[in-house]
Amino acid sequence: MDPSEEARSPRDEAHHNPDIEVIPTGTFQANCYLVTCPTTGDTMVVDPGADAERILEHIRRRSLTVVIILHTHGHFDHIGATEAVLAGLGLSVPVAAHPADAYLYEHDARAIGAQFGYALPATLATPDVPLADGDELRVGELRLRVLTTPGHTPGSISLLCGSQGVFSGDTLFRRGIGRTDLTGSDEDAIYESILTRLYPLASELAVYPGHGPTTTIGEERRSNPFVQAP
């Protein structure tokens, strides 16, 4: 064991837990999360789908420093406010996503969202940080790990934040899973992702989904009607 790990106290562990704020946005009430390092104030914005000014208001009110925007997948209800948030920050902030969802950043895919009130800017932002399984993202003193969880989309990812929780995007919900009847989705793949990537995580781990309330891995293993743990 690394001596520095052995010497770490519960107080030190709590010190490295993120501050997590959820902001449901848009017609489909997709959850945007602000994941903040309590030591530095550095913040990751996860899935800014709509209501950019409200997201920016939360950031300004708390004097947060946004260092990265992350998309759990490329559907318009999770990325639709990215351009406006970037403009409002007035900073050059990287956007991270899995490259398998590149087709969802094209004009035609975004135009579908315009029918439901989601922004369709003249110039669309595209991710400049390609994510891969096992990647570590640093936000201040926080360390977050990418888990590829395809199925809802080919490039769907979940984001593991130590012992604090996992951001599951539209892969796993409380008592539900993401749709698999959309272009690029795969029913077998989403079952495989949940059974092999998410359900093996610690039972007490919080699940922060792309829509709806927080749950835990253990609760979904026991009670999710769509994917039963073996």
Protein backbone atom coordinates (compact mmCIF):
# COMPACT_ATOMS: atom_id res chain seq x y z
CA MET A 1 0.00 0.00 0.00
CA ASP A 2 1.19 3.49 -0.80
CA PRO A 3 2.14 5.18 2.52
CA SER A 4 0.19 8.25 1.52
CA GLU A 5 -2.93 6.09 1.13
CA GLU A 6 -2.34 4.38 4.46
CA ALA A 7 -2.08 7.73 6.23
CA ARG A 8 -5.25 9.15 4.75
CA SER A 9 -7.94 9.77 7.35
CA PRO A 10 -11.74 9.80 6.92
CA ARG A 11 -11.53 13.57 7.21
CA ASP A 12 -9.08 13.64 4.28
CA GLU A 13 -11.41 11.42 2.23
CA ALA A 14 -14.36 13.74 2.88
CA HIS A 15 -12.15 16.65 1.87
CA HIS A 16 -11.85 15.10 -1.60
CA ASN A 17 -15.55 14.41 -2.05
CA PRO A 18 -17.17 16.63 -4.66
CA ASP A 19 -19.94 19.10 -4.11
CA ILE A 20 -22.71 18.01 -6.48
CA GLU A 21 -25.56 20.29 -7.56
CA VAL A 22 -28.31 19.13 -9.90
CA ILE A 23 -30.23 21.46 -12.23
CA PRO A 24 -33.06 19.79 -14.20
CA THR A 25 -33.31 21.53 -17.58
CA GLY A 26 -35.46 21.78 -20.67
CA THR A 27 -38.62 20.15 -21.93
CA PHE A 28 -37.37 16.69 -20.98
CA GLN A 29 -35.93 17.79 -17.61
CA ALA A 30 -32.49 16.34 -18.21
CA ASN A 31 -30.24 16.66 -15.19
CA CYS A 32 -27.33 19.06 -15.54
CA TYR A 33 -24.80 18.57 -12.77
CA LEU A 34 -22.23 20.97 -11.37
CA VAL A 35 -19.44 18.83 -9.89
CA THR A 36 -17.17 21.02 -7.81
CA CYS A 37 -13.91 20.46 -5.96
CA PRO A 38 -14.57 21.91 -2.48
CA THR A 39 -10.92 22.89 -2.09
CA THR A 40 -10.35 24.82 -5.31
CA GLY A 41 -13.82 25.69 -6.58
CA ASP A 42 -12.94 24.11 -9.93
CA THR A 43 -16.10 22.73 -11.54
CA MET A 44 -17.14 20.26 -14.20
CA VAL A 45 -20.47 20.94 -15.92
CA VAL A 46 -22.10 17.63 -16.85
CA ASP A 47 -24.78 17.64 -19.57
CA PRO A 48 -25.83 21.29 -20.05
CA GLY A 49 -28.95 20.45 -22.04
CA ALA A 50 -31.00 23.67 -21.84
CA ASP A 51 -31.69 26.74 -19.68
CA ALA A 52 -28.16 28.08 -20.12
CA GLU A 53 -28.80 31.29 -18.21
CA ARG A 54 -30.03 29.36 -15.18
CA ILE A 55 -26.93 27.17 -15.25
CA LEU A 56 -24.72 30.25 -15.54
CA GLU A 57 -26.57 31.92 -12.68
CA HIS A 58 -25.73 29.01 -10.39
CA ILE A 59 -22.09 29.17 -11.48
CA ARG A 60 -21.84 32.93 -10.92
CA ARG A 61 -23.68 32.91 -7.62
CA ARG A 62 -21.21 30.42 -6.20
CA SER A 63 -18.16 31.99 -7.91
CA LEU A 64 -17.24 28.64 -9.46
CA THR A 65 -14.46 28.16 -11.99
CA VAL A 66 -15.60 25.89 -14.81
CA VAL A 67 -12.65 23.88 -16.13
CA ILE A 68 -14.46 21.36 -18.36
CA ILE A 69 -17.87 20.51 -19.82
CA LEU A 70 -18.66 16.81 -20.12
CA HIS A 71 -21.40 15.10 -22.10
CA THR A 72 -22.49 11.65 -20.97
CA HIS A 73 -23.86 11.22 -24.50
CA GLY A 74 -24.77 13.35 -27.48
CA HIS A 75 -28.56 13.64 -27.43
CA PHE A 76 -29.80 17.21 -27.82
CA ASP A 77 -31.50 17.31 -24.40
CA HIS A 78 -28.08 16.79 -22.79
CA ILE A 79 -25.92 19.05 -24.96
CA GLY A 80 -28.29 21.76 -26.25
CA ALA A 81 -27.08 24.58 -23.98
CA THR A 82 -23.37 23.91 -24.46
CA GLU A 83 -22.80 26.80 -26.89
CA ALA A 84 -24.65 29.32 -24.70
CA VAL A 85 -22.87 28.19 -21.54
CA LEU A 86 -19.49 28.50 -23.26
CA ALA A 87 -20.39 31.98 -24.48
CA GLY A 88 -21.60 33.02 -21.03
CA LEU A 89 -18.42 31.80 -19.35
CA GLY A 90 -16.28 33.89 -21.67
CA LEU A 91 -13.50 31.34 -21.29
CA SER A 92 -11.92 28.69 -23.46
CA VAL A 93 -13.28 25.57 -21.76
CA PRO A 94 -12.78 22.08 -23.21
CA VAL A 95 -15.78 19.90 -24.05
CA ALA A 96 -15.38 16.15 -23.46
CA ALA A 97 -17.42 13.33 -25.00
CA HIS A 98 -17.00 9.89 -26.52
CA PRO A 99 -16.21 10.04 -30.25
CA ALA A 100 -18.72 7.27 -31.09
CA ASP A 101 -21.49 9.86 -30.64
CA ALA A 102 -20.07 12.23 -33.26
CA TYR A 103 -23.13 11.77 -35.48
CA LEU A 104 -25.30 13.38 -32.79
CA TYR A 105 -23.37 16.67 -33.04
CA GLU A 106 -24.34 17.16 -36.68
CA HIS A 107 -26.93 19.72 -37.73
CA ASP A 108 -29.69 17.24 -38.55
CA ALA A 109 -29.49 15.54 -35.15
CA ARG A 110 -29.54 18.87 -33.32
CA ALA A 111 -32.41 20.12 -35.49
CA ILE A 112 -34.66 17.42 -34.03
CA GLY A 113 -34.27 19.12 -30.67
CA ALA A 114 -35.39 22.46 -32.08
CA GLN A 115 -38.86 20.96 -32.46
CA PHE A 116 -38.98 20.64 -28.66
CA GLY A 117 -37.61 24.08 -27.83
CA TYR A 118 -33.89 23.23 -27.67
CA ALA A 119 -31.40 25.74 -29.06
CA LEU A 120 -29.98 25.32 -32.56
CA PRO A 121 -27.12 27.82 -32.82
CA ALA A 122 -25.68 28.80 -36.19
CA THR A 123 -22.32 27.40 -35.09
CA LEU A 124 -22.48 24.13 -33.20
CA ALA A 125 -19.92 23.20 -30.57
CA THR A 126 -18.22 19.86 -31.02
CA PRO A 127 -16.19 18.03 -28.37
CA ASP A 128 -12.46 18.60 -28.37
CA VAL A 129 -11.57 16.05 -25.66
CA PRO A 130 -12.26 12.47 -26.84
CA LEU A 131 -13.10 10.16 -23.96
CA ALA A 132 -12.12 6.50 -23.70
CA ASP A 133 -12.75 3.81 -21.13
CA GLY A 134 -10.57 4.24 -18.05
CA ASP A 135 -9.66 7.87 -18.71
CA GLU A 136 -9.07 9.92 -15.58
CA LEU A 137 -10.39 13.48 -15.50
CA ARG A 138 -9.06 15.97 -12.95
CA VAL A 139 -11.20 18.73 -11.53
CA GLY A 140 -9.16 20.50 -8.89
CA GLU A 141 -8.26 17.75 -6.43
CA LEU A 142 -11.05 15.46 -7.65
CA ARG A 143 -10.29 12.41 -9.77
CA LEU A 144 -13.11 11.04 -11.94
CA ARG A 145 -12.92 7.90 -14.09
CA VAL A 146 -14.68 7.25 -17.38
CA LEU A 147 -16.65 4.02 -17.81
CA THR A 148 -17.89 3.31 -21.32
CA THR A 149 -21.53 2.20 -21.07
CA PRO A 150 -22.89 2.00 -24.63
CA GLY A 151 -26.45 1.07 -25.50
CA HIS A 152 -28.60 4.18 -25.26
CA THR A 153 -26.11 5.63 -27.74
CA PRO A 154 -22.87 4.09 -29.05
CA GLY A 155 -20.82 6.66 -27.15
CA SER A 156 -22.68 6.71 -23.84
CA ILE A 157 -20.36 6.95 -20.85
CA SER A 158 -20.76 6.92 -17.10
CA LEU A 159 -18.46 8.87 -14.80
CA LEU A 160 -17.24 7.35 -11.55
CA CYS A 161 -16.39 9.81 -8.79
CA GLY A 162 -14.53 7.65 -6.27
CA SER A 163 -16.74 6.44 -3.45
CA GLN A 164 -19.08 9.41 -3.86
CA GLY A 165 -21.16 8.27 -6.82
CA VAL A 166 -21.48 7.54 -10.51
CA PHE A 167 -23.05 9.79 -13.15
CA SER A 168 -24.92 7.31 -15.32
CA GLY A 169 -26.31 9.56 -18.05
CA ASP A 170 -29.24 7.86 -19.77
CA THR A 171 -27.91 4.35 -19.17
CA LEU A 172 -29.40 3.70 -15.73
CA PHE A 173 -32.24 5.52 -13.96
CA ARG A 174 -34.10 4.92 -10.73
CA ARG A 175 -36.26 1.93 -11.69
CA GLY A 176 -35.50 2.45 -15.37
CA ILE A 177 -33.01 2.35 -18.21
CA GLY A 178 -32.41 4.48 -21.29
CA ARG A 179 -34.42 4.10 -24.47
CA THR A 180 -33.09 1.68 -27.05
CA ASP A 181 -35.49 2.45 -29.92
CA LEU A 182 -33.51 5.45 -31.20
CA THR A 183 -31.01 5.71 -34.04
CA GLY A 184 -27.73 4.18 -32.90
CA SER A 185 -29.13 2.55 -29.76
CA ASP A 186 -28.65 -1.14 -28.92
CA GLU A 187 -30.79 -3.03 -26.41
CA ASP A 188 -28.31 -5.87 -25.86
CA ALA A 189 -25.49 -3.38 -25.33
CA ILE A 190 -27.30 -1.38 -22.64
CA TYR A 191 -28.10 -4.56 -20.69
CA GLU A 192 -24.47 -5.60 -20.97
CA SER A 193 -23.28 -2.16 -19.83
CA ILE A 194 -25.49 -2.18 -16.76
CA LEU A 195 -24.72 -5.77 -15.79
CA THR A 196 -20.96 -5.63 -16.33
CA ARG A 197 -20.00 -1.98 -15.74
CA LEU A 198 -22.50 -0.53 -13.24
CA TYR A 199 -24.01 -3.34 -11.15
CA PRO A 200 -20.56 -4.58 -10.04
CA LEU A 201 -19.93 -1.21 -8.33
CA ALA A 202 -20.42 -0.88 -4.57
CA SER A 203 -24.02 -1.27 -3.40
CA GLU A 204 -23.99 1.97 -1.44
CA LEU A 205 -22.69 4.02 -4.37
CA ALA A 206 -25.03 6.85 -5.34
CA VAL A 207 -26.27 6.91 -8.93
CA TYR A 208 -26.78 10.37 -10.45
CA PRO A 209 -28.88 9.71 -13.58
CA GLY A 210 -29.54 11.80 -16.66
CA HIS A 211 -33.22 12.19 -15.70
CA GLY A 212 -35.09 11.81 -12.44
CA PRO A 213 -34.03 11.27 -8.85
CA THR A 214 -30.83 9.86 -7.41
CA THR A 215 -30.71 6.19 -6.51
CA THR A 216 -28.02 3.67 -5.49
CA ILE A 217 -26.40 0.73 -7.22
CA GLY A 218 -27.76 -1.67 -4.60
CA GLU A 219 -31.31 -0.34 -4.93
CA GLU A 220 -31.27 -0.85 -8.70
CA ARG A 221 -29.76 -4.32 -8.44
CA ARG A 222 -32.68 -5.28 -6.18
CA SER A 223 -35.56 -3.38 -7.71
CA ASN A 224 -34.93 -2.26 -11.29
CA PRO A 225 -37.60 -4.08 -13.33
CA PHE A 226 -35.68 -3.86 -16.61
CA VAL A 227 -32.29 -5.33 -15.65
CA GLN A 228 -32.22 -7.98 -12.94
CA ALA A 229 -28.88 -8.78 -11.32
CA PRO A 230 -27.99 -12.48 -11.72
